[in-house]
Protein backbone atom coordinates (compact mmCIF):
# COMPACT_ATOMS: atom_id res chain seq x y z
CA UNK A 1 0.00 0.00 0.00
CA UNK A 2 1.36 3.42 -0.94
CA UNK A 3 -0.39 5.61 1.61
CA UNK A 4 -2.88 5.36 4.44
CA UNK A 5 -5.54 8.07 4.44
CA UNK A 6 -7.29 9.66 7.38
CA UNK A 7 -10.60 8.57 5.85
CA UNK A 8 -9.43 4.96 5.87
CA UNK A 9 -8.47 5.19 9.55
CA UNK A 10 -11.79 6.87 10.41
CA UNK A 11 -13.63 4.08 8.55
CA UNK A 12 -11.76 1.35 10.40
CA UNK A 13 -12.32 3.02 13.76
CA UNK A 14 -16.01 3.53 13.01
CA UNK A 15 -16.23 -0.21 12.37
CA UNK A 16 -14.23 -1.29 15.43
CA UNK A 17 -15.11 1.26 18.12
CA UNK A 18 -18.35 0.55 19.96
CA UNK A 19 -19.65 4.13 20.30
CA UNK A 20 -22.57 6.06 18.89
CA UNK A 21 -20.56 9.28 18.51
CA UNK A 22 -19.26 10.25 15.09
CA UNK A 23 -15.53 9.76 14.64
CA UNK A 24 -13.76 12.62 12.86
CA UNK A 25 -10.06 12.99 12.00
CA UNK A 26 -9.49 14.87 15.27
CA UNK A 27 -11.64 12.80 17.64
CA UNK A 28 -9.78 12.12 20.89
CA UNK A 29 -9.83 8.34 20.93
CA UNK A 30 -7.90 7.59 24.09
CA UNK A 31 -9.23 10.32 26.38
CA UNK A 32 -12.81 9.55 25.35
CA UNK A 33 -12.37 5.81 25.82
CA UNK A 34 -13.51 5.15 22.24
CA UNK A 35 -10.40 3.17 21.40
CA UNK A 36 -10.59 0.33 23.90
CA UNK A 37 -8.19 -2.61 23.94
CA UNK A 38 -10.29 -4.79 21.63
CA UNK A 39 -10.78 -2.03 19.06
CA UNK A 40 -7.06 -1.26 19.25
CA UNK A 41 -6.11 -4.88 18.48
CA UNK A 42 -8.65 -5.02 15.62
CA UNK A 43 -7.21 -1.80 14.19
CA UNK A 44 -3.64 -3.13 14.41
CA UNK A 45 -4.69 -6.37 12.69
CA UNK A 46 -6.43 -4.49 9.88
CA UNK A 47 -3.38 -2.27 9.37
CA UNK A 48 -1.12 -5.34 9.32
CA UNK A 49 -3.36 -6.87 6.63
CA UNK A 50 -2.70 -3.70 4.61
CA UNK A 51 1.06 -4.06 5.03
CA UNK A 52 1.57 -1.65 7.92
CA UNK A 53 3.23 -3.35 10.87
CA UNK A 54 2.66 -1.15 13.93
CA UNK A 55 4.49 -2.05 17.14
CA UNK A 56 2.67 -0.02 19.81
CA UNK A 57 5.48 -0.20 22.36
CA UNK A 58 7.84 1.58 19.94
CA UNK A 59 5.67 4.69 19.72
CA UNK A 60 4.40 7.20 22.26
CA UNK A 61 0.82 6.92 23.40
CA UNK A 62 0.11 10.27 21.72
CA UNK A 63 0.65 8.60 18.31
CA UNK A 64 -2.65 6.79 18.84
CA UNK A 65 -4.68 9.71 20.22
CA UNK A 66 -6.65 10.66 17.07
CA UNK A 67 -7.30 9.17 13.63
CA UNK A 68 -5.05 11.90 12.20
CA UNK A 69 -2.09 10.93 14.43
CA UNK A 70 -2.61 7.23 13.67
CA UNK A 71 -2.61 8.03 9.96
CA UNK A 72 0.62 10.02 10.30
CA UNK A 73 2.24 7.15 12.19
CA UNK A 74 1.20 4.62 9.55
CA UNK A 75 2.58 6.74 6.72
CA UNK A 76 5.82 7.27 8.65
CA UNK A 77 6.15 3.48 9.00
CA UNK A 78 5.42 2.95 5.31
CA UNK A 79 8.01 5.58 4.31
CA UNK A 80 10.63 3.97 6.55
CA UNK A 81 9.98 0.55 4.98
CA UNK A 82 10.71 1.81 1.43
PDB file of N, CA and C in Angstrom:
ATOM      1  N   UNK A   1       0.854  -1.177   0.000  1.00  0.00           N
ATOM      2  CA  UNK A   1       0.000   0.000   0.000  1.00  0.00           C
ATOM      3  C   UNK A   1       0.898   1.238   0.000  1.00  0.00           C
ATOM      4  N   UNK A   2       0.534   2.224  -0.812  1.00  0.00           N
ATOM      5  CA  UNK A   2       1.356   3.418  -0.936  1.00  0.00           C
ATOM      6  C   UNK A   2       1.157   4.421   0.188  1.00  0.00           C
ATOM      7  N   UNK A   3      -0.103   4.597   0.604  1.00  0.00           N
ATOM      8  CA  UNK A   3      -0.387   5.611   1.612  1.00  0.00           C
ATOM      9  C   UNK A   3      -1.676   5.242   2.348  1.00  0.00           C
ATOM     10  N   UNK A   4      -1.686   5.529   3.615  1.00  0.00           N
ATOM     11  CA  UNK A   4      -2.876   5.359   4.444  1.00  0.00           C
ATOM     12  C   UNK A   4      -3.532   6.739   4.564  1.00  0.00           C
ATOM     13  N   UNK A   5      -4.832   6.795   4.345  1.00  0.00           N
ATOM     14  CA  UNK A   5      -5.536   8.074   4.439  1.00  0.00           C
ATOM     15  C   UNK A   5      -6.267   8.188   5.773  1.00  0.00           C
ATOM     16  N   UNK A   6      -6.531   9.412   6.156  1.00  0.00           N
ATOM     17  CA  UNK A   6      -7.293   9.655   7.384  1.00  0.00           C
ATOM     18  C   UNK A   6      -8.685   9.046   7.249  1.00  0.00           C
ATOM     19  N   UNK A   7      -9.274   9.143   6.059  1.00  0.00           N
ATOM     20  CA  UNK A   7     -10.604   8.573   5.849  1.00  0.00           C
ATOM     21  C   UNK A   7     -10.605   7.062   6.063  1.00  0.00           C
ATOM     22  N   UNK A   8      -9.547   6.396   5.652  1.00  0.00           N
ATOM     23  CA  UNK A   8      -9.430   4.960   5.870  1.00  0.00           C
ATOM     24  C   UNK A   8      -9.383   4.649   7.364  1.00  0.00           C
ATOM     25  N   UNK A   9      -8.576   5.394   8.099  1.00  0.00           N
ATOM     26  CA  UNK A   9      -8.465   5.187   9.549  1.00  0.00           C
ATOM     27  C   UNK A   9      -9.811   5.473  10.227  1.00  0.00           C
ATOM     28  N   UNK A  10     -10.477   6.547   9.836  1.00  0.00           N
ATOM     29  CA  UNK A  10     -11.791   6.867  10.407  1.00  0.00           C
ATOM     30  C   UNK A  10     -12.768   5.724  10.119  1.00  0.00           C
ATOM     31  N   UNK A  11     -12.746   5.194   8.907  1.00  0.00           N
ATOM     32  CA  UNK A  11     -13.631   4.082   8.551  1.00  0.00           C
ATOM     33  C   UNK A  11     -13.378   2.846   9.386  1.00  0.00           C
ATOM     34  N   UNK A  12     -12.107   2.506   9.572  1.00  0.00           N
ATOM     35  CA  UNK A  12     -11.762   1.349  10.401  1.00  0.00           C
ATOM     36  C   UNK A  12     -12.211   1.562  11.844  1.00  0.00           C
ATOM     37  N   UNK A  13     -11.942   2.735  12.372  1.00  0.00           N
ATOM     38  CA  UNK A  13     -12.320   3.022  13.755  1.00  0.00           C
ATOM     39  C   UNK A  13     -13.832   3.035  13.930  1.00  0.00           C
ATOM     40  N   UNK A  14     -14.546   3.539  12.944  1.00  0.00           N
ATOM     41  CA  UNK A  14     -16.013   3.528  13.005  1.00  0.00           C
ATOM     42  C   UNK A  14     -16.519   2.093  13.081  1.00  0.00           C
ATOM     43  N   UNK A  15     -15.851   1.210  12.359  1.00  0.00           N
ATOM     44  CA  UNK A  15     -16.229  -0.207  12.372  1.00  0.00           C
ATOM     45  C   UNK A  15     -15.882  -0.890  13.698  1.00  0.00           C
ATOM     46  N   UNK A  16     -14.730  -0.564  14.270  1.00  0.00           N
ATOM     47  CA  UNK A  16     -14.232  -1.294  15.433  1.00  0.00           C
ATOM     48  C   UNK A  16     -14.598  -0.686  16.781  1.00  0.00           C
ATOM     49  N   UNK A  17     -14.802   0.614  16.844  1.00  0.00           N
ATOM     50  CA  UNK A  17     -15.114   1.258  18.124  1.00  0.00           C
ATOM     51  C   UNK A  17     -16.610   1.160  18.393  1.00  0.00           C
ATOM     52  N   UNK A  18     -16.950   0.760  19.585  1.00  0.00           N
ATOM     53  CA  UNK A  18     -18.348   0.546  19.956  1.00  0.00           C
ATOM     54  C   UNK A  18     -18.908   1.801  20.617  1.00  0.00           C
ATOM     55  N   UNK A  19     -19.115   2.849  19.804  1.00  0.00           N
ATOM     56  CA  UNK A  19     -19.645   4.128  20.295  1.00  0.00           C
ATOM     57  C   UNK A  19     -20.618   4.693  19.280  1.00  0.00           C
ATOM     58  N   UNK A  20     -21.578   5.444  19.767  1.00  0.00           N
ATOM     59  CA  UNK A  20     -22.566   6.065  18.886  1.00  0.00           C
ATOM     60  C   UNK A  20     -22.092   7.407  18.334  1.00  0.00           C
ATOM     61  N   UNK A  21     -21.061   7.980  18.945  1.00  0.00           N
ATOM     62  CA  UNK A  21     -20.562   9.282  18.511  1.00  0.00           C
ATOM     63  C   UNK A  21     -19.836   9.164  17.173  1.00  0.00           C
ATOM     64  N   UNK A  22     -19.965  10.219  16.372  1.00  0.00           N
ATOM     65  CA  UNK A  22     -19.261  10.253  15.089  1.00  0.00           C
ATOM     66  C   UNK A  22     -17.758  10.388  15.337  1.00  0.00           C
ATOM     67  N   UNK A  23     -16.986   9.662  14.561  1.00  0.00           N
ATOM     68  CA  UNK A  23     -15.530   9.763  14.641  1.00  0.00           C
ATOM     69  C   UNK A  23     -15.062  10.656  13.501  1.00  0.00           C
ATOM     70  N   UNK A  24     -14.325  11.694  13.843  1.00  0.00           N
ATOM     71  CA  UNK A  24     -13.758  12.623  12.864  1.00  0.00           C
ATOM     72  C   UNK A  24     -12.235  12.471  12.903  1.00  0.00           C
ATOM     73  N   UNK A  25     -11.524  13.098  11.981  1.00  0.00           N
ATOM     74  CA  UNK A  25     -10.061  12.994  11.995  1.00  0.00           C
ATOM     75  C   UNK A  25      -9.409  13.455  13.305  1.00  0.00           C
ATOM     76  N   UNK A  26     -10.083  14.334  14.049  1.00  0.00           N
ATOM     77  CA  UNK A  26      -9.490  14.871  15.272  1.00  0.00           C
ATOM     78  C   UNK A  26     -10.184  14.393  16.551  1.00  0.00           C
ATOM     79  N   UNK A  27     -10.988  13.360  16.452  1.00  0.00           N
ATOM     80  CA  UNK A  27     -11.641  12.795  17.636  1.00  0.00           C
ATOM     81  C   UNK A  27     -10.589  12.254  18.602  1.00  0.00           C
ATOM     82  N   UNK A  28     -10.682  12.638  19.855  1.00  0.00           N
ATOM     83  CA  UNK A  28      -9.784  12.121  20.890  1.00  0.00           C
ATOM     84  C   UNK A  28     -10.208  10.702  21.248  1.00  0.00           C
ATOM     85  N   UNK A  29      -9.460   9.737  20.768  1.00  0.00           N
ATOM     86  CA  UNK A  29      -9.826   8.341  20.926  1.00  0.00           C
ATOM     87  C   UNK A  29      -9.491   7.782  22.304  1.00  0.00           C
ATOM     88  N   UNK A  30      -8.345   8.155  22.817  1.00  0.00           N
ATOM     89  CA  UNK A  30      -7.896   7.590  24.087  1.00  0.00           C
ATOM     90  C   UNK A  30      -8.580   8.261  25.267  1.00  0.00           C
ATOM     91  N   UNK A  31      -8.613   9.588  25.273  1.00  0.00           N
ATOM     92  CA  UNK A  31      -9.230  10.317  26.381  1.00  0.00           C
ATOM     93  C   UNK A  31     -10.722  10.035  26.492  1.00  0.00           C
ATOM     94  N   UNK A  32     -11.371   9.808  25.343  1.00  0.00           N
ATOM     95  CA  UNK A  32     -12.810   9.548  25.348  1.00  0.00           C
ATOM     96  C   UNK A  32     -13.134   8.093  25.678  1.00  0.00           C
ATOM     97  N   UNK A  33     -12.135   7.230  25.585  1.00  0.00           N
ATOM     98  CA  UNK A  33     -12.369   5.811  25.816  1.00  0.00           C
ATOM     99  C   UNK A  33     -12.914   5.087  24.596  1.00  0.00           C
ATOM    100  N   UNK A  34     -12.994   5.775  23.462  1.00  0.00           N
ATOM    101  CA  UNK A  34     -13.513   5.147  22.241  1.00  0.00           C
ATOM    102  C   UNK A  34     -12.629   4.001  21.772  1.00  0.00           C
ATOM    103  N   UNK A  35     -11.326   4.192  21.866  1.00  0.00           N
ATOM    104  CA  UNK A  35     -10.395   3.166  21.396  1.00  0.00           C
ATOM    105  C   UNK A  35     -10.031   2.277  22.575  1.00  0.00           C
ATOM    106  N   UNK A  36     -10.876   1.262  22.811  1.00  0.00           N
ATOM    107  CA  UNK A  36     -10.590   0.333  23.900  1.00  0.00           C
ATOM    108  C   UNK A  36      -9.607  -0.729  23.409  1.00  0.00           C
ATOM    109  N   UNK A  37      -9.235  -1.636  24.277  1.00  0.00           N
ATOM    110  CA  UNK A  37      -8.188  -2.606  23.936  1.00  0.00           C
ATOM    111  C   UNK A  37      -8.595  -3.514  22.780  1.00  0.00           C
ATOM    112  N   UNK A  38      -9.842  -3.933  22.723  1.00  0.00           N
ATOM    113  CA  UNK A  38     -10.293  -4.794  21.631  1.00  0.00           C
ATOM    114  C   UNK A  38     -10.280  -4.044  20.300  1.00  0.00           C
ATOM    115  N   UNK A  39     -10.794  -2.829  20.286  1.00  0.00           N
ATOM    116  CA  UNK A  39     -10.784  -2.027  19.062  1.00  0.00           C
ATOM    117  C   UNK A  39      -9.352  -1.741  18.612  1.00  0.00           C
ATOM    118  N   UNK A  40      -8.460  -1.532  19.571  1.00  0.00           N
ATOM    119  CA  UNK A  40      -7.058  -1.261  19.249  1.00  0.00           C
ATOM    120  C   UNK A  40      -6.428  -2.468  18.546  1.00  0.00           C
ATOM    121  N   UNK A  41      -6.662  -3.665  19.086  1.00  0.00           N
ATOM    122  CA  UNK A  41      -6.115  -4.880  18.476  1.00  0.00           C
ATOM    123  C   UNK A  41      -6.716  -5.100  17.086  1.00  0.00           C
ATOM    124  N   UNK A  42      -8.010  -4.873  16.938  1.00  0.00           N
ATOM    125  CA  UNK A  42      -8.645  -5.021  15.623  1.00  0.00           C
ATOM    126  C   UNK A  42      -8.061  -4.029  14.620  1.00  0.00           C
ATOM    127  N   UNK A  43      -7.815  -2.811  15.057  1.00  0.00           N
ATOM    128  CA  UNK A  43      -7.205  -1.804  14.191  1.00  0.00           C
ATOM    129  C   UNK A  43      -5.802  -2.240  13.772  1.00  0.00           C
ATOM    130  N   UNK A  44      -5.003  -2.677  14.725  1.00  0.00           N
ATOM    131  CA  UNK A  44      -3.642  -3.126  14.408  1.00  0.00           C
ATOM    132  C   UNK A  44      -3.652  -4.297  13.425  1.00  0.00           C
ATOM    133  N   UNK A  45      -4.578  -5.233  13.611  1.00  0.00           N
ATOM    134  CA  UNK A  45      -4.688  -6.372  12.695  1.00  0.00           C
ATOM    135  C   UNK A  45      -5.074  -5.924  11.289  1.00  0.00           C
ATOM    136  N   UNK A  46      -6.013  -4.993  11.187  1.00  0.00           N
ATOM    137  CA  UNK A  46      -6.426  -4.486   9.879  1.00  0.00           C
ATOM    138  C   UNK A  46      -5.261  -3.772   9.188  1.00  0.00           C
ATOM    139  N   UNK A  47      -4.527  -2.977   9.944  1.00  0.00           N
ATOM    140  CA  UNK A  47      -3.375  -2.274   9.367  1.00  0.00           C
ATOM    141  C   UNK A  47      -2.312  -3.268   8.910  1.00  0.00           C
ATOM    142  N   UNK A  48      -2.087  -4.305   9.704  1.00  0.00           N
ATOM    143  CA  UNK A  48      -1.117  -5.338   9.320  1.00  0.00           C
ATOM    144  C   UNK A  48      -1.551  -6.019   8.018  1.00  0.00           C
ATOM    145  N   UNK A  49      -2.844  -6.279   7.872  1.00  0.00           N
ATOM    146  CA  UNK A  49      -3.355  -6.872   6.634  1.00  0.00           C
ATOM    147  C   UNK A  49      -3.104  -5.970   5.429  1.00  0.00           C
ATOM    148  N   UNK A  50      -2.974  -4.671   5.679  1.00  0.00           N
ATOM    149  CA  UNK A  50      -2.696  -3.700   4.606  1.00  0.00           C
ATOM    150  C   UNK A  50      -1.199  -3.464   4.425  1.00  0.00           C
ATOM    151  N   UNK A  51      -0.384  -4.180   5.177  1.00  0.00           N
ATOM    152  CA  UNK A  51       1.059  -4.065   5.026  1.00  0.00           C
ATOM    153  C   UNK A  51       1.725  -3.072   5.952  1.00  0.00           C
ATOM    154  N   UNK A  52       1.004  -2.602   6.962  1.00  0.00           N
ATOM    155  CA  UNK A  52       1.574  -1.645   7.917  1.00  0.00           C
ATOM    156  C   UNK A  52       1.730  -2.356   9.259  1.00  0.00           C
ATOM    157  N   UNK A  53       2.954  -2.666   9.607  1.00  0.00           N
ATOM    158  CA  UNK A  53       3.235  -3.353  10.868  1.00  0.00           C
ATOM    159  C   UNK A  53       3.508  -2.318  11.952  1.00  0.00           C
ATOM    160  N   UNK A  54       2.538  -2.129  12.846  1.00  0.00           N
ATOM    161  CA  UNK A  54       2.659  -1.153  13.929  1.00  0.00           C
ATOM    162  C   UNK A  54       2.997  -1.891  15.212  1.00  0.00           C
ATOM    163  N   UNK A  55       4.106  -1.509  15.837  1.00  0.00           N
ATOM    164  CA  UNK A  55       4.492  -2.050  17.136  1.00  0.00           C
ATOM    165  C   UNK A  55       4.215  -0.971  18.181  1.00  0.00           C
ATOM    166  N   UNK A  56       3.100  -1.093  18.903  1.00  0.00           N
ATOM    167  CA  UNK A  56       2.668  -0.016  19.806  1.00  0.00           C
ATOM    168  C   UNK A  56       3.702   0.387  20.852  1.00  0.00           C
ATOM    169  N   UNK A  57       4.508  -0.542  21.312  1.00  0.00           N
ATOM    170  CA  UNK A  57       5.477  -0.203  22.357  1.00  0.00           C
ATOM    171  C   UNK A  57       6.635   0.643  21.838  1.00  0.00           C
ATOM    172  N   UNK A  58       6.758   0.772  20.536  1.00  0.00           N
ATOM    173  CA  UNK A  58       7.835   1.575  19.942  1.00  0.00           C
ATOM    174  C   UNK A  58       7.440   3.029  19.705  1.00  0.00           C
ATOM    175  N   UNK A  59       6.179   3.353  20.013  1.00  0.00           N
ATOM    176  CA  UNK A  59       5.674   4.690  19.718  1.00  0.00           C
ATOM    177  C   UNK A  59       5.007   5.277  20.952  1.00  0.00           C
ATOM    178  N   UNK A  60       5.050   6.590  21.092  1.00  0.00           N
ATOM    179  CA  UNK A  60       4.399   7.204  22.259  1.00  0.00           C
ATOM    180  C   UNK A  60       2.882   7.048  22.182  1.00  0.00           C
ATOM    181  N   UNK A  61       2.286   7.043  23.323  1.00  0.00           N
ATOM    182  CA  UNK A  61       0.822   6.922  23.398  1.00  0.00           C
ATOM    183  C   UNK A  61       0.129   7.984  22.545  1.00  0.00           C
ATOM    184  N   UNK A  62       0.709   9.168  22.482  1.00  0.00           N
ATOM    185  CA  UNK A  62       0.107  10.269  21.715  1.00  0.00           C
ATOM    186  C   UNK A  62      -0.034   9.938  20.225  1.00  0.00           C
ATOM    187  N   UNK A  63       0.749   8.988  19.716  1.00  0.00           N
ATOM    188  CA  UNK A  63       0.653   8.599  18.306  1.00  0.00           C
ATOM    189  C   UNK A  63      -0.680   7.925  17.986  1.00  0.00           C
ATOM    190  N   UNK A  64      -1.379   7.493  19.025  1.00  0.00           N
ATOM    191  CA  UNK A  64      -2.649   6.793  18.842  1.00  0.00           C
ATOM    192  C   UNK A  64      -3.840   7.607  19.354  1.00  0.00           C
ATOM    193  N   UNK A  65      -3.642   8.902  19.576  1.00  0.00           N
ATOM    194  CA  UNK A  65      -4.683   9.705  20.222  1.00  0.00           C
ATOM    195  C   UNK A  65      -5.838  10.096  19.302  1.00  0.00           C
ATOM    196  N   UNK A  66      -5.587  10.290  18.015  1.00  0.00           N
ATOM    197  CA  UNK A  66      -6.647  10.663  17.073  1.00  0.00           C
ATOM    198  C   UNK A  66      -6.453   9.885  15.768  1.00  0.00           C
ATOM    199  N   UNK A  67      -7.485   9.790  14.938  1.00  0.00           N
ATOM    200  CA  UNK A  67      -7.298   9.170  13.627  1.00  0.00           C
ATOM    201  C   UNK A  67      -6.191   9.850  12.816  1.00  0.00           C
ATOM    202  N   UNK A  68      -6.077  11.169  12.948  1.00  0.00           N
ATOM    203  CA  UNK A  68      -5.046  11.901  12.201  1.00  0.00           C
ATOM    204  C   UNK A  68      -3.630  11.489  12.643  1.00  0.00           C
ATOM    205  N   UNK A  69      -3.428  11.317  13.954  1.00  0.00           N
ATOM    206  CA  UNK A  69      -2.094  10.926  14.428  1.00  0.00           C
ATOM    207  C   UNK A  69      -1.789   9.473  14.078  1.00  0.00           C
ATOM    208  N   UNK A  70      -2.810   8.631  14.083  1.00  0.00           N
ATOM    209  CA  UNK A  70      -2.613   7.228  13.673  1.00  0.00           C
ATOM    210  C   UNK A  70      -2.242   7.170  12.197  1.00  0.00           C
ATOM    211  N   UNK A  71      -2.907   7.960  11.386  1.00  0.00           N
ATOM    212  CA  UNK A  71      -2.606   8.031   9.956  1.00  0.00           C
ATOM    213  C   UNK A  71      -1.164   8.478   9.727  1.00  0.00           C
ATOM    214  N   UNK A  72      -0.754   9.520  10.434  1.00  0.00           N
ATOM    215  CA  UNK A  72       0.625  10.016  10.299  1.00  0.00           C
ATOM    216  C   UNK A  72       1.633   8.944  10.688  1.00  0.00           C
ATOM    217  N   UNK A  73       1.356   8.225  11.760  1.00  0.00           N
ATOM    218  CA  UNK A  73       2.243   7.150  12.193  1.00  0.00           C
ATOM    219  C   UNK A  73       2.340   6.068  11.120  1.00  0.00           C
ATOM    220  N   UNK A  74       1.207   5.655  10.580  1.00  0.00           N
ATOM    221  CA  UNK A  74       1.203   4.617   9.549  1.00  0.00           C
ATOM    222  C   UNK A  74       2.009   5.034   8.325  1.00  0.00           C
ATOM    223  N   UNK A  75       1.839   6.266   7.895  1.00  0.00           N
ATOM    224  CA  UNK A  75       2.583   6.740   6.722  1.00  0.00           C
ATOM    225  C   UNK A  75       4.070   6.889   7.011  1.00  0.00           C
ATOM    226  N   UNK A  76       4.403   7.225   8.244  1.00  0.00           N
ATOM    227  CA  UNK A  76       5.816   7.273   8.654  1.00  0.00           C
ATOM    228  C   UNK A  76       6.420   5.874   8.597  1.00  0.00           C
ATOM    229  N   UNK A  77       5.674   4.865   9.045  1.00  0.00           N
ATOM    230  CA  UNK A  77       6.152   3.479   9.004  1.00  0.00           C
ATOM    231  C   UNK A  77       6.305   3.021   7.552  1.00  0.00           C
ATOM    232  N   UNK A  78       5.331   3.337   6.728  1.00  0.00           N
ATOM    233  CA  UNK A  78       5.415   2.955   5.306  1.00  0.00           C
ATOM    234  C   UNK A  78       6.620   3.608   4.630  1.00  0.00           C
ATOM    235  N   UNK A  79       6.870   4.871   4.925  1.00  0.00           N
ATOM    236  CA  UNK A  79       8.008   5.580   4.306  1.00  0.00           C
ATOM    237  C   UNK A  79       9.331   4.970   4.772  1.00  0.00           C
ATOM    238  N   UNK A  80       9.401   4.551   6.024  1.00  0.00           N
ATOM    239  CA  UNK A  80      10.627   3.967   6.551  1.00  0.00           C
ATOM    240  C   UNK A  80      10.901   2.591   5.954  1.00  0.00           C
ATOM    241  N   UNK A  81       9.837   1.897   5.545  1.00  0.00           N
ATOM    242  CA  UNK A  81       9.979   0.549   4.976  1.00  0.00           C
ATOM    243  C   UNK A  81      10.386   0.569   3.506  1.00  0.00           C
ATOM    244  N   UNK A  82      10.369   1.732   2.869  1.00  0.00           N
ATOM    245  CA  UNK A  82      10.709   1.805   1.435  1.00  0.00           C
ATOM    246  C   UNK A  82      12.191   1.703   1.216  1.00  0.00           C
TER     247      UNK A  82
END
